[in-house]
């Protein structure tokens, strides 16, 4: 008479989990985290400002239907990077993005990516 085996052997399962754990521990530090580094401006009173010069900031408006406007002229998303590269040379203090409350997150992030690629160092956001 043959005896039946009623237990599950979990040794191969634990081996697989340990191998996966080791792989994840090795790969996790190598992953490049993409993100936006944000700096919070300090609260400075007007009396503390020593410079009276006007800041040279390029303003771009993003509307509710995800259209981009520079100097009140519409810029197509395809030409946005080219126009930003040309315009930002005249505005060394950075970029101000004024967004409509209904503008999509994707449109704003696309603009920020193109601005970073064009060489913009400082980006500010404002809702209109």
C-alpha atoms as a PDB file:
ATOM      1  CA  UNK A   1       0.000   0.000   0.000  1.00  0.00           C
ATOM      2  CA  UNK A   2       1.284   3.451  -0.966  1.00  0.00           C
ATOM      3  CA  UNK A   3       1.190   6.406   1.453  1.00  0.00           C
ATOM      4  CA  UNK A   4      -0.206   9.726   0.235  1.00  0.00           C
ATOM      5  CA  UNK A   5       1.788  12.882   0.602  1.00  0.00           C
ATOM      6  CA  UNK A   6      -0.428  15.596   2.147  1.00  0.00           C
ATOM      7  CA  UNK A   7       2.089  18.451   2.663  1.00  0.00           C
ATOM      8  CA  UNK A   8       3.134  21.158   0.231  1.00  0.00           C
ATOM      9  CA  UNK A   9       6.848  21.634  -0.224  1.00  0.00           C
ATOM     10  CA  UNK A  10       7.470  25.407  -0.063  1.00  0.00           C
ATOM     11  CA  UNK A  11      11.266  25.275  -0.378  1.00  0.00           C
ATOM     12  CA  UNK A  12      11.306  26.118  -4.124  1.00  0.00           C
ATOM     13  CA  UNK A  13       8.838  28.945  -3.511  1.00  0.00           C
ATOM     14  CA  UNK A  14      11.024  30.503  -0.814  1.00  0.00           C
ATOM     15  CA  UNK A  15      14.079  30.168  -3.069  1.00  0.00           C
ATOM     16  CA  UNK A  16      12.308  32.120  -5.814  1.00  0.00           C
ATOM     17  CA  UNK A  17      11.220  34.834  -3.378  1.00  0.00           C
ATOM     18  CA  UNK A  18      14.738  35.210  -1.998  1.00  0.00           C
ATOM     19  CA  UNK A  19      16.190  35.532  -5.493  1.00  0.00           C
ATOM     20  CA  UNK A  20      13.593  38.174  -6.397  1.00  0.00           C
ATOM     21  CA  UNK A  21      14.303  40.030  -3.167  1.00  0.00           C
ATOM     22  CA  UNK A  22      18.034  40.092  -3.895  1.00  0.00           C
ATOM     23  CA  UNK A  23      17.429  41.306  -7.442  1.00  0.00           C
ATOM     24  CA  UNK A  24      15.195  44.120  -6.196  1.00  0.00           C
ATOM     25  CA  UNK A  25      17.726  45.132  -3.543  1.00  0.00           C
ATOM     26  CA  UNK A  26      20.482  45.364  -6.155  1.00  0.00           C
ATOM     27  CA  UNK A  27      18.414  47.200  -8.800  1.00  0.00           C
ATOM     28  CA  UNK A  28      16.533  49.666  -6.561  1.00  0.00           C
ATOM     29  CA  UNK A  29      19.492  52.002  -5.873  1.00  0.00           C
ATOM     30  CA  UNK A  30      20.357  52.053  -9.571  1.00  0.00           C
ATOM     31  CA  UNK A  31      16.990  53.416 -10.665  1.00  0.00           C
ATOM     32  CA  UNK A  32      17.204  57.057 -11.626  1.00  0.00           C
ATOM     33  CA  UNK A  33      14.433  58.964  -9.952  1.00  0.00           C
ATOM     34  CA  UNK A  34      12.975  61.564 -12.320  1.00  0.00           C
ATOM     35  CA  UNK A  35      11.264  64.428 -10.642  1.00  0.00           C
ATOM     36  CA  UNK A  36      11.041  68.131 -10.214  1.00  0.00           C
ATOM     37  CA  UNK A  37      13.223  69.695  -7.582  1.00  0.00           C
ATOM     38  CA  UNK A  38      11.265  72.467  -5.958  1.00  0.00           C
ATOM     39  CA  UNK A  39      12.643  75.244  -3.837  1.00  0.00           C
ATOM     40  CA  UNK A  40      10.392  77.278  -1.606  1.00  0.00           C
ATOM     41  CA  UNK A  41      11.093  81.010  -1.798  1.00  0.00           C
ATOM     42  CA  UNK A  42      11.787  82.899   1.376  1.00  0.00           C
ATOM     43  CA  UNK A  43       9.281  85.449   2.575  1.00  0.00           C
ATOM     44  CA  UNK A  44      11.064  88.748   1.976  1.00  0.00           C
ATOM     45  CA  UNK A  45       9.535  92.084   2.843  1.00  0.00           C
ATOM     46  CA  UNK A  46       9.670  94.916   0.331  1.00  0.00           C
ATOM     47  CA  UNK A  47      11.858  96.963   2.693  1.00  0.00           C
ATOM     48  CA  UNK A  48      14.495  94.216   2.667  1.00  0.00           C
ATOM     49  CA  UNK A  49      14.887  94.236  -1.104  1.00  0.00           C
ATOM     50  CA  UNK A  50      18.070  96.097  -1.969  1.00  0.00           C
ATOM     51  CA  UNK A  51      17.689  95.929  -5.738  1.00  0.00           C
ATOM     52  CA  UNK A  52      15.083  98.153  -7.331  1.00  0.00           C
ATOM     53  CA  UNK A  53      15.571  96.767 -10.834  1.00  0.00           C
ATOM     54  CA  UNK A  54      12.649  95.070 -12.522  1.00  0.00           C
ATOM     55  CA  UNK A  55      13.028  91.311 -12.772  1.00  0.00           C
ATOM     56  CA  UNK A  56      13.326  89.994 -16.291  1.00  0.00           C
ATOM     57  CA  UNK A  57      10.929  87.059 -16.226  1.00  0.00           C
ATOM     58  CA  UNK A  58       9.280  85.464 -19.249  1.00  0.00           C
ATOM     59  CA  UNK A  59       5.569  84.872 -18.683  1.00  0.00           C
ATOM     60  CA  UNK A  60       3.749  82.028 -20.430  1.00  0.00           C
ATOM     61  CA  UNK A  61       0.001  81.551 -20.083  1.00  0.00           C
ATOM     62  CA  UNK A  62      -1.551  78.063 -20.265  1.00  0.00           C
ATOM     63  CA  UNK A  63      -5.294  78.247 -20.944  1.00  0.00           C
ATOM     64  CA  UNK A  64      -8.089  75.847 -20.028  1.00  0.00           C
ATOM     65  CA  UNK A  65      -7.930  74.159 -23.432  1.00  0.00           C
ATOM     66  CA  UNK A  66      -4.147  73.615 -23.079  1.00  0.00           C
ATOM     67  CA  UNK A  67      -3.039  76.390 -25.408  1.00  0.00           C
ATOM     68  CA  UNK A  68       0.222  78.241 -24.764  1.00  0.00           C
ATOM     69  CA  UNK A  69       0.554  82.033 -25.079  1.00  0.00           C
ATOM     70  CA  UNK A  70       3.841  83.967 -25.054  1.00  0.00           C
ATOM     71  CA  UNK A  71       3.500  87.778 -25.348  1.00  0.00           C
ATOM     72  CA  UNK A  72      -0.248  87.268 -26.035  1.00  0.00           C
ATOM     73  CA  UNK A  73       0.533  85.194 -29.126  1.00  0.00           C
ATOM     74  CA  UNK A  74      -0.445  81.540 -29.328  1.00  0.00           C
ATOM     75  CA  UNK A  75       2.423  79.079 -29.680  1.00  0.00           C
ATOM     76  CA  UNK A  76       1.788  75.543 -30.901  1.00  0.00           C
ATOM     77  CA  UNK A  77       3.015  72.712 -28.655  1.00  0.00           C
ATOM     78  CA  UNK A  78       5.340  71.520 -31.452  1.00  0.00           C
ATOM     79  CA  UNK A  79       7.160  74.872 -31.619  1.00  0.00           C
ATOM     80  CA  UNK A  80       7.157  75.484 -27.879  1.00  0.00           C
ATOM     81  CA  UNK A  81      10.724  74.261 -27.284  1.00  0.00           C
ATOM     82  CA  UNK A  82      12.138  76.309 -30.165  1.00  0.00           C
ATOM     83  CA  UNK A  83      10.346  79.495 -29.131  1.00  0.00           C
ATOM     84  CA  UNK A  84      11.405  79.015 -25.496  1.00  0.00           C
ATOM     85  CA  UNK A  85      15.050  78.567 -26.506  1.00  0.00           C
ATOM     86  CA  UNK A  86      14.971  81.861 -28.416  1.00  0.00           C
ATOM     87  CA  UNK A  87      12.956  83.868 -25.895  1.00  0.00           C
ATOM     88  CA  UNK A  88      14.676  82.773 -22.681  1.00  0.00           C
ATOM     89  CA  UNK A  89      17.933  84.442 -23.732  1.00  0.00           C
ATOM     90  CA  UNK A  90      16.259  87.808 -23.126  1.00  0.00           C
ATOM     91  CA  UNK A  91      14.909  86.792 -19.708  1.00  0.00           C
ATOM     92  CA  UNK A  92      17.758  85.696 -17.412  1.00  0.00           C
ATOM     93  CA  UNK A  93      15.660  85.681 -14.228  1.00  0.00           C
ATOM     94  CA  UNK A  94      13.531  82.706 -15.263  1.00  0.00           C
ATOM     95  CA  UNK A  95      10.035  81.747 -16.282  1.00  0.00           C
ATOM     96  CA  UNK A  96       6.590  82.387 -14.834  1.00  0.00           C
ATOM     97  CA  UNK A  97       3.857  79.958 -15.872  1.00  0.00           C
ATOM     98  CA  UNK A  98       0.366  81.383 -15.378  1.00  0.00           C
ATOM     99  CA  UNK A  99      -2.198  78.612 -15.617  1.00  0.00           C
ATOM    100  CA  UNK A 100      -5.931  78.539 -15.858  1.00  0.00           C
ATOM    101  CA  UNK A 101      -7.573  76.440 -13.142  1.00  0.00           C
ATOM    102  CA  UNK A 102      -8.865  74.079 -15.820  1.00  0.00           C
ATOM    103  CA  UNK A 103      -5.502  73.513 -17.575  1.00  0.00           C
ATOM    104  CA  UNK A 104      -4.352  69.908 -17.510  1.00  0.00           C
ATOM    105  CA  UNK A 105      -1.410  68.719 -15.496  1.00  0.00           C
ATOM    106  CA  UNK A 106       0.126  67.179 -18.623  1.00  0.00           C
ATOM    107  CA  UNK A 107       0.207  70.513 -20.465  1.00  0.00           C
ATOM    108  CA  UNK A 108       1.979  72.228 -17.572  1.00  0.00           C
ATOM    109  CA  UNK A 109       4.511  69.418 -17.113  1.00  0.00           C
ATOM    110  CA  UNK A 110       5.189  69.414 -20.865  1.00  0.00           C
ATOM    111  CA  UNK A 111       5.917  73.149 -20.688  1.00  0.00           C
ATOM    112  CA  UNK A 112       8.180  72.688 -17.667  1.00  0.00           C
ATOM    113  CA  UNK A 113      10.114  69.888 -19.410  1.00  0.00           C
ATOM    114  CA  UNK A 114      10.617  71.997 -22.528  1.00  0.00           C
ATOM    115  CA  UNK A 115      11.700  74.949 -20.383  1.00  0.00           C
ATOM    116  CA  UNK A 116      14.294  72.871 -18.526  1.00  0.00           C
ATOM    117  CA  UNK A 117      15.569  71.537 -21.839  1.00  0.00           C
ATOM    118  CA  UNK A 118      15.808  75.124 -23.145  1.00  0.00           C
ATOM    119  CA  UNK A 119      18.027  76.033 -20.191  1.00  0.00           C
ATOM    120  CA  UNK A 120      15.610  77.721 -17.792  1.00  0.00           C
ATOM    121  CA  UNK A 121      16.994  77.623 -14.253  1.00  0.00           C
ATOM    122  CA  UNK A 122      14.046  79.080 -12.305  1.00  0.00           C
ATOM    123  CA  UNK A 123      10.370  78.293 -12.895  1.00  0.00           C
ATOM    124  CA  UNK A 124       7.437  79.758 -10.973  1.00  0.00           C
ATOM    125  CA  UNK A 125       3.779  78.763 -11.179  1.00  0.00           C
ATOM    126  CA  UNK A 126       0.768  80.994 -10.684  1.00  0.00           C
ATOM    127  CA  UNK A 127      -2.924  80.318 -11.154  1.00  0.00           C
ATOM    128  CA  UNK A 128      -4.962  82.989 -12.921  1.00  0.00           C
END
